PDB file of N, CA and C in Angstrom:
ATOM      1  N   MET A   1      20.111   9.603 -35.030  1.00  0.00           N
ATOM      2  CA  MET A   1      19.632   8.681 -34.352  1.00  0.00           C
ATOM      3  C   MET A   1      18.620   9.515 -33.854  1.00  0.00           C
ATOM      4  N   ASN A   2      17.229   9.695 -33.686  1.00  0.00           N
ATOM      5  CA  ASN A   2      16.563  10.788 -32.577  1.00  0.00           C
ATOM      6  C   ASN A   2      15.657   9.863 -32.027  1.00  0.00           C
ATOM      7  N   CYS A   3      16.420   9.999 -30.432  1.00  0.00           N
ATOM      8  CA  CYS A   3      15.431   9.531 -29.175  1.00  0.00           C
ATOM      9  C   CYS A   3      15.082  10.317 -28.262  1.00  0.00           C
ATOM     10  N   ARG A   4      13.808  10.399 -27.760  1.00  0.00           N
ATOM     11  CA  ARG A   4      13.915  11.068 -26.393  1.00  0.00           C
ATOM     12  C   ARG A   4      14.172  10.628 -25.126  1.00  0.00           C
ATOM     13  N   ARG A   5      14.919  11.494 -24.021  1.00  0.00           N
ATOM     14  CA  ARG A   5      15.045  11.339 -23.140  1.00  0.00           C
ATOM     15  C   ARG A   5      13.620  10.415 -22.198  1.00  0.00           C
ATOM     16  N   HIS A   6      14.082   9.571 -21.109  1.00  0.00           N
ATOM     17  CA  HIS A   6      12.811   9.285 -20.319  1.00  0.00           C
ATOM     18  C   HIS A   6      12.367  10.284 -19.324  1.00  0.00           C
ATOM     19  N   GLY A   7      11.091  10.506 -19.302  1.00  0.00           N
ATOM     20  CA  GLY A   7      10.636  11.694 -18.536  1.00  0.00           C
ATOM     21  C   GLY A   7      10.024  12.811 -19.538  1.00  0.00           C
ATOM     22  N   SER A   8      10.025  13.031 -20.425  1.00  0.00           N
ATOM     23  CA  SER A   8       9.834  13.915 -21.408  1.00  0.00           C
ATOM     24  C   SER A   8       8.292  14.446 -21.316  1.00  0.00           C
ATOM     25  N   LYS A   9       8.316  15.576 -21.828  1.00  0.00           N
ATOM     26  CA  LYS A   9       6.817  16.552 -21.514  1.00  0.00           C
ATOM     27  C   LYS A   9       5.350  14.845 -22.309  1.00  0.00           C
ATOM     28  N   PRO A  10       5.643  14.353 -23.297  1.00  0.00           N
ATOM     29  CA  PRO A  10       4.893  13.321 -23.987  1.00  0.00           C
ATOM     30  C   PRO A  10       4.843  12.499 -23.045  1.00  0.00           C
ATOM     31  N   THR A  11       5.358  11.855 -22.208  1.00  0.00           N
ATOM     32  CA  THR A  11       5.140  10.914 -21.308  1.00  0.00           C
ATOM     33  C   THR A  11       4.489  11.186 -19.862  1.00  0.00           C
ATOM     34  N   ILE A  12       4.774  12.482 -19.626  1.00  0.00           N
ATOM     35  CA  ILE A  12       3.657  13.016 -18.770  1.00  0.00           C
ATOM     36  C   ILE A  12       2.408  13.418 -18.935  1.00  0.00           C
ATOM     37  N   ALA A  13       2.248  13.610 -20.681  1.00  0.00           N
ATOM     38  CA  ALA A  13       0.700  14.226 -20.773  1.00  0.00           C
ATOM     39  C   ALA A  13      -0.068  12.919 -21.388  1.00  0.00           C
ATOM     40  N   LEU A  14       0.979  11.407 -21.449  1.00  0.00           N
ATOM     41  CA  LEU A  14       0.460  10.132 -21.084  1.00  0.00           C
ATOM     42  C   LEU A  14      -0.400   9.891 -19.897  1.00  0.00           C
ATOM     43  N   TRP A  15       0.183  10.062 -18.832  1.00  0.00           N
ATOM     44  CA  TRP A  15      -0.403   9.888 -17.970  1.00  0.00           C
ATOM     45  C   TRP A  15      -1.171  10.545 -17.203  1.00  0.00           C
ATOM     46  N   MET A  16      -1.160  12.066 -17.571  1.00  0.00           N
ATOM     47  CA  MET A  16      -2.353  12.955 -17.033  1.00  0.00           C
ATOM     48  C   MET A  16      -3.524  12.640 -17.967  1.00  0.00           C
ATOM     49  N   LEU A  17      -3.299  11.559 -19.141  1.00  0.00           N
ATOM     50  CA  LEU A  17      -4.451  11.165 -20.352  1.00  0.00           C
ATOM     51  C   LEU A  17      -5.089  10.427 -19.305  1.00  0.00           C
ATOM     52  N   VAL A  18      -4.405   9.486 -18.725  1.00  0.00           N
ATOM     53  CA  VAL A  18      -4.782   8.485 -17.897  1.00  0.00           C
ATOM     54  C   VAL A  18      -5.519   8.680 -16.656  1.00  0.00           C
ATOM     55  N   ALA A  19      -5.352   9.564 -15.653  1.00  0.00           N
ATOM     56  CA  ALA A  19      -5.363  10.050 -14.917  1.00  0.00           C
ATOM     57  C   ALA A  19      -6.809  10.658 -15.154  1.00  0.00           C
ATOM     58  N   VAL A  20      -7.044  11.657 -16.066  1.00  0.00           N
ATOM     59  CA  VAL A  20      -8.597  12.371 -16.831  1.00  0.00           C
ATOM     60  C   VAL A  20      -9.264  10.719 -17.114  1.00  0.00           C
ATOM     61  N   ALA A  21      -9.226  10.170 -17.233  1.00  0.00           N
ATOM     62  CA  ALA A  21      -9.893   8.662 -17.765  1.00  0.00           C
ATOM     63  C   ALA A  21      -9.897   7.848 -16.370  1.00  0.00           C
ATOM     64  N   ASP A  22      -9.078   7.798 -15.714  1.00  0.00           N
ATOM     65  CA  ASP A  22      -9.639   7.069 -14.226  1.00  0.00           C
ATOM     66  C   ASP A  22     -10.860   8.038 -13.571  1.00  0.00           C
ATOM     67  N   VAL A  23     -10.472   9.539 -13.670  1.00  0.00           N
ATOM     68  CA  VAL A  23     -11.898  10.280 -12.936  1.00  0.00           C
ATOM     69  C   VAL A  23     -13.033  10.205 -13.813  1.00  0.00           C
ATOM     70  N   ALA A  24     -12.888   9.738 -15.080  1.00  0.00           N
ATOM     71  CA  ALA A  24     -14.131   9.851 -15.898  1.00  0.00           C
ATOM     72  C   ALA A  24     -15.015   8.570 -15.086  1.00  0.00           C
ATOM     73  N   ILE A  25     -14.219   7.575 -15.317  1.00  0.00           N
ATOM     74  CA  ILE A  25     -14.899   6.256 -15.145  1.00  0.00           C
ATOM     75  C   ILE A  25     -15.233   6.121 -13.526  1.00  0.00           C
ATOM     76  N   LEU A  26     -14.496   6.986 -12.881  1.00  0.00           N
ATOM     77  CA  LEU A  26     -14.977   6.906 -11.798  1.00  0.00           C
ATOM     78  C   LEU A  26     -16.404   7.912 -11.176  1.00  0.00           C
ATOM     79  N   ALA A  27     -16.693   9.086 -12.012  1.00  0.00           N
ATOM     80  CA  ALA A  27     -17.426   9.802 -12.135  1.00  0.00           C
ATOM     81  C   ALA A  27     -18.812   8.941 -12.656  1.00  0.00           C
ATOM     82  N   SER A  28     -18.110   8.100 -13.807  1.00  0.00           N
ATOM     83  CA  SER A  28     -19.347   7.667 -14.469  1.00  0.00           C
ATOM     84  C   SER A  28     -20.073   6.440 -13.877  1.00  0.00           C
ATOM     85  N   THR A  29     -19.630   5.760 -12.914  1.00  0.00           N
ATOM     86  CA  THR A  29     -19.886   4.679 -11.807  1.00  0.00           C
ATOM     87  C   THR A  29     -20.887   5.216 -10.656  1.00  0.00           C
ATOM     88  N   GLY A  30     -20.221   6.494 -10.349  1.00  0.00           N
ATOM     89  CA  GLY A  30     -21.076   7.211  -9.305  1.00  0.00           C
ATOM     90  C   GLY A  30     -20.203   7.021  -7.891  1.00  0.00           C
ATOM     91  N   LEU A  31     -21.334   7.064  -7.087  1.00  0.00           N
ATOM     92  CA  LEU A  31     -20.673   7.511  -5.431  1.00  0.00           C
ATOM     93  C   LEU A  31     -20.368   6.268  -5.089  1.00  0.00           C
ATOM     94  N   LEU A  32     -20.761   4.938  -5.321  1.00  0.00           N
ATOM     95  CA  LEU A  32     -20.502   3.937  -5.015  1.00  0.00           C
ATOM     96  C   LEU A  32     -19.045   3.268  -4.907  1.00  0.00           C
ATOM     97  N   ALA A  33     -18.834   3.486  -6.164  1.00  0.00           N
ATOM     98  CA  ALA A  33     -17.446   3.183  -6.239  1.00  0.00           C
ATOM     99  C   ALA A  33     -16.440   3.854  -5.984  1.00  0.00           C
ATOM    100  N   ILE A  34     -16.198   5.019  -5.431  1.00  0.00           N
ATOM    101  CA  ILE A  34     -15.673   5.756  -4.923  1.00  0.00           C
ATOM    102  C   ILE A  34     -15.591   5.601  -3.362  1.00  0.00           C
ATOM    103  N   LEU A  35     -16.694   5.470  -2.839  1.00  0.00           N
ATOM    104  CA  LEU A  35     -16.817   4.792  -1.198  1.00  0.00           C
ATOM    105  C   LEU A  35     -15.997   3.409  -1.541  1.00  0.00           C
ATOM    106  N   LEU A  36     -16.411   2.297  -2.219  1.00  0.00           N
ATOM    107  CA  LEU A  36     -15.388   1.390  -2.387  1.00  0.00           C
ATOM    108  C   LEU A  36     -14.420   1.231  -2.399  1.00  0.00           C
ATOM    109  N   VAL A  37     -13.551   2.484  -3.294  1.00  0.00           N
ATOM    110  CA  VAL A  37     -12.278   2.509  -3.444  1.00  0.00           C
ATOM    111  C   VAL A  37     -11.865   2.972  -2.105  1.00  0.00           C
ATOM    112  N   LEU A  38     -12.401   3.662  -1.369  1.00  0.00           N
ATOM    113  CA  LEU A  38     -11.941   4.807  -0.366  1.00  0.00           C
ATOM    114  C   LEU A  38     -11.315   3.733   0.916  1.00  0.00           C
ATOM    115  N   ALA A  39     -12.788   2.602   0.668  1.00  0.00           N
ATOM    116  CA  ALA A  39     -12.937   1.739   1.793  1.00  0.00           C
ATOM    117  C   ALA A  39     -11.802   0.620   1.652  1.00  0.00           C
ATOM    118  N   ALA A  40     -11.108   0.238   0.139  1.00  0.00           N
ATOM    119  CA  ALA A  40     -10.618  -0.546   0.041  1.00  0.00           C
ATOM    120  C   ALA A  40      -9.108  -0.156   0.603  1.00  0.00           C
ATOM    121  N   LEU A  41      -8.844   1.322   0.325  1.00  0.00           N
ATOM    122  CA  LEU A  41      -7.612   1.962   0.295  1.00  0.00           C
ATOM    123  C   LEU A  41      -7.285   2.063   1.844  1.00  0.00           C
ATOM    124  N   ALA A  42      -8.614   2.120   2.860  1.00  0.00           N
ATOM    125  CA  ALA A  42      -8.400   2.171   4.030  1.00  0.00           C
ATOM    126  C   ALA A  42      -8.053   0.674   4.856  1.00  0.00           C
ATOM    127  N   VAL A  43      -8.620  -0.183   3.742  1.00  0.00           N
ATOM    128  CA  VAL A  43      -8.361  -1.439   4.835  1.00  0.00           C
ATOM    129  C   VAL A  43      -6.719  -2.046   4.394  1.00  0.00           C
ATOM    130  N   VAL A  44      -6.332  -1.666   3.043  1.00  0.00           N
ATOM    131  CA  VAL A  44      -4.863  -1.980   2.735  1.00  0.00           C
ATOM    132  C   VAL A  44      -3.838  -1.054   3.679  1.00  0.00           C
ATOM    133  N   THR A  45      -4.341   0.336   4.017  1.00  0.00           N
ATOM    134  CA  THR A  45      -3.325   1.040   4.772  1.00  0.00           C
ATOM    135  C   THR A  45      -3.551   0.572   6.331  1.00  0.00           C
ATOM    136  N   GLY A  46      -4.728   0.258   6.683  1.00  0.00           N
ATOM    137  CA  GLY A  46      -4.576  -0.535   7.969  1.00  0.00           C
ATOM    138  C   GLY A  46      -3.974  -1.939   7.994  1.00  0.00           C
ATOM    139  N   VAL A  47      -3.873  -2.718   7.594  1.00  0.00           N
ATOM    140  CA  VAL A  47      -2.744  -4.025   7.220  1.00  0.00           C
ATOM    141  C   VAL A  47      -1.597  -3.616   7.152  1.00  0.00           C
ATOM    142  N   GLY A  48      -0.816  -2.367   6.079  1.00  0.00           N
ATOM    143  CA  GLY A  48       0.251  -2.182   6.217  1.00  0.00           C
ATOM    144  C   GLY A  48       0.951  -1.598   7.871  1.00  0.00           C
ATOM    145  N   VAL A  49       0.102  -0.743   8.275  1.00  0.00           N
ATOM    146  CA  VAL A  49       0.413  -0.176   9.587  1.00  0.00           C
ATOM    147  C   VAL A  49       0.920  -1.765  10.453  1.00  0.00           C
ATOM    148  N   MET A  50      -0.291  -2.040  10.693  1.00  0.00           N
ATOM    149  CA  MET A  50      -0.384  -3.442  11.598  1.00  0.00           C
ATOM    150  C   MET A  50       1.338  -4.192  11.209  1.00  0.00           C
ATOM    151  N   ALA A  51       1.402  -4.335   9.978  1.00  0.00           N
ATOM    152  CA  ALA A  51       2.578  -5.541   9.486  1.00  0.00           C
ATOM    153  C   ALA A  51       3.834  -4.381   9.806  1.00  0.00           C
ATOM    154  N   ALA A  52       3.934  -2.723   9.840  1.00  0.00           N
ATOM    155  CA  ALA A  52       5.090  -2.228  10.144  1.00  0.00           C
ATOM    156  C   ALA A  52       5.740  -2.318  11.235  1.00  0.00           C
ATOM    157  N   ARG A  53       4.027  -2.256  12.167  1.00  0.00           N
ATOM    158  CA  ARG A  53       4.141  -2.247  13.914  1.00  0.00           C
ATOM    159  C   ARG A  53       4.989  -3.310  14.350  1.00  0.00           C
ATOM    160  N   SER A  54       4.351  -4.582  13.433  1.00  0.00           N
ATOM    161  CA  SER A  54       4.799  -6.160  14.283  1.00  0.00           C
ATOM    162  C   SER A  54       6.188  -6.168  13.775  1.00  0.00           C
ATOM    163  N   LEU A  55       6.832  -5.641  12.656  1.00  0.00           N
ATOM    164  CA  LEU A  55       8.055  -5.918  12.321  1.00  0.00           C
ATOM    165  C   LEU A  55       9.183  -5.218  12.927  1.00  0.00           C
ATOM    166  N   GLY A  56       8.817  -4.100  13.575  1.00  0.00           N
ATOM    167  CA  GLY A  56       9.585  -2.942  14.413  1.00  0.00           C
ATOM    168  C   GLY A  56       9.394  -3.512  15.574  1.00  0.00           C
ATOM    169  N   ARG A  57       8.870  -4.752  16.447  1.00  0.00           N
ATOM    170  CA  ARG A  57       8.802  -4.991  17.579  1.00  0.00           C
ATOM    171  C   ARG A  57       9.466  -6.501  17.408  1.00  0.00           C
ATOM    172  N   PRO A  58      10.426  -6.440  18.441  1.00  0.00           N
ATOM    173  CA  PRO A  58      11.682  -7.864  18.595  1.00  0.00           C
ATOM    174  C   PRO A  58      10.442  -8.508  19.299  1.00  0.00           C
ATOM    175  N   GLU A  59      11.183 -10.216  18.794  1.00  0.00           N
ATOM    176  CA  GLU A  59      10.598 -11.330  19.051  1.00  0.00           C
ATOM    177  C   GLU A  59      10.879 -11.484  20.790  1.00  0.00           C
ATOM    178  N   PRO A  60       9.784 -11.757  21.532  1.00  0.00           N
ATOM    179  CA  PRO A  60       9.870 -12.003  22.856  1.00  0.00           C
ATOM    180  C   PRO A  60      11.112 -13.212  22.906  1.00  0.00           C
ATOM    181  N   GLN A  61      11.953 -13.121  23.919  1.00  0.00           N
ATOM    182  CA  GLN A  61      12.978 -14.269  24.488  1.00  0.00           C
ATOM    183  C   GLN A  61      12.057 -15.278  25.084  1.00  0.00           C
ATOM    184  N   PRO A  62      12.500 -16.505  24.619  1.00  0.00           N
ATOM    185  CA  PRO A  62      11.856 -17.831  25.209  1.00  0.00           C
ATOM    186  C   PRO A  62      12.426 -17.935  26.908  1.00  0.00           C
ATOM    187  N   VAL A  63      11.831 -18.396  27.740  1.00  0.00           N
ATOM    188  CA  VAL A  63      11.883 -18.696  28.931  1.00  0.00           C
ATOM    189  C   VAL A  63      12.829 -19.503  29.466  1.00  0.00           C
ATOM    190  N   LYS A  64      13.823 -19.390  30.342  1.00  0.00           N
ATOM    191  CA  LYS A  64      14.593 -20.689  30.728  1.00  0.00           C
ATOM    192  C   LYS A  64      14.272 -21.441  31.598  1.00  0.00           C
ATOM    193  N   VAL A  65      13.797 -22.082  31.278  1.00  0.00           N
ATOM    194  CA  VAL A  65      13.743 -23.396  32.536  1.00  0.00           C
ATOM    195  C   VAL A  65      14.687 -23.987  33.252  1.00  0.00           C
ATOM    196  N   VAL A  66      14.962 -23.540  34.508  1.00  0.00           N
ATOM    197  CA  VAL A  66      15.884 -24.466  35.539  1.00  0.00           C
ATOM    198  C   VAL A  66      15.467 -25.687  36.414  1.00  0.00           C
ATOM    199  N   ALA A  67      16.343 -26.291  35.954  1.00  0.00           N
ATOM    200  CA  ALA A  67      15.944 -27.828  36.185  1.00  0.00           C
ATOM    201  C   ALA A  67      16.973 -27.760  37.797  1.00  0.00           C
ATOM    202  N   ARG A  68      15.970 -28.270  38.652  1.00  0.00           N
ATOM    203  CA  ARG A  68      16.146 -28.613  40.147  1.00  0.00           C
ATOM    204  C   ARG A  68      15.863 -29.714  40.735  1.00  0.00           C
ATOM    205  N   ARG A  69      16.811 -30.162  41.609  1.00  0.00           N
ATOM    206  CA  ARG A  69      16.794 -31.753  41.960  1.00  0.00           C
ATOM    207  C   ARG A  69      16.677 -31.524  43.065  1.00  0.00           C
ATOM    208  N   ARG A  70      15.362 -32.282  43.525  1.00  0.00           N
ATOM    209  CA  ARG A  70      15.062 -32.503  45.040  1.00  0.00           C
ATOM    210  C   ARG A  70      16.244 -32.955  45.809  1.00  0.00           C
ATOM    211  N   ARG A  71      16.359 -32.692  47.146  1.00  0.00           N
ATOM    212  CA  ARG A  71      17.379 -32.966  48.327  1.00  0.00           C
ATOM    213  C   ARG A  71      16.475 -34.226  49.210  1.00  0.00           C
TER     214      ARG A  71
END
């Protein structure tokens, strides 16, 4: 039985073909599409950074209420 390993050259060639097709699609749609993709990437990155920062921060401890009686 003849089978190829994962990550062989035809697989890499297929991904390179996909990358070339992506560049061709972006070039044909123009500068506006590239700017929209970059803006979306910036928004996703910003949300990811904010989420990572909020996950790294510990939650504030609740304030203990001290009940005192009047004498």
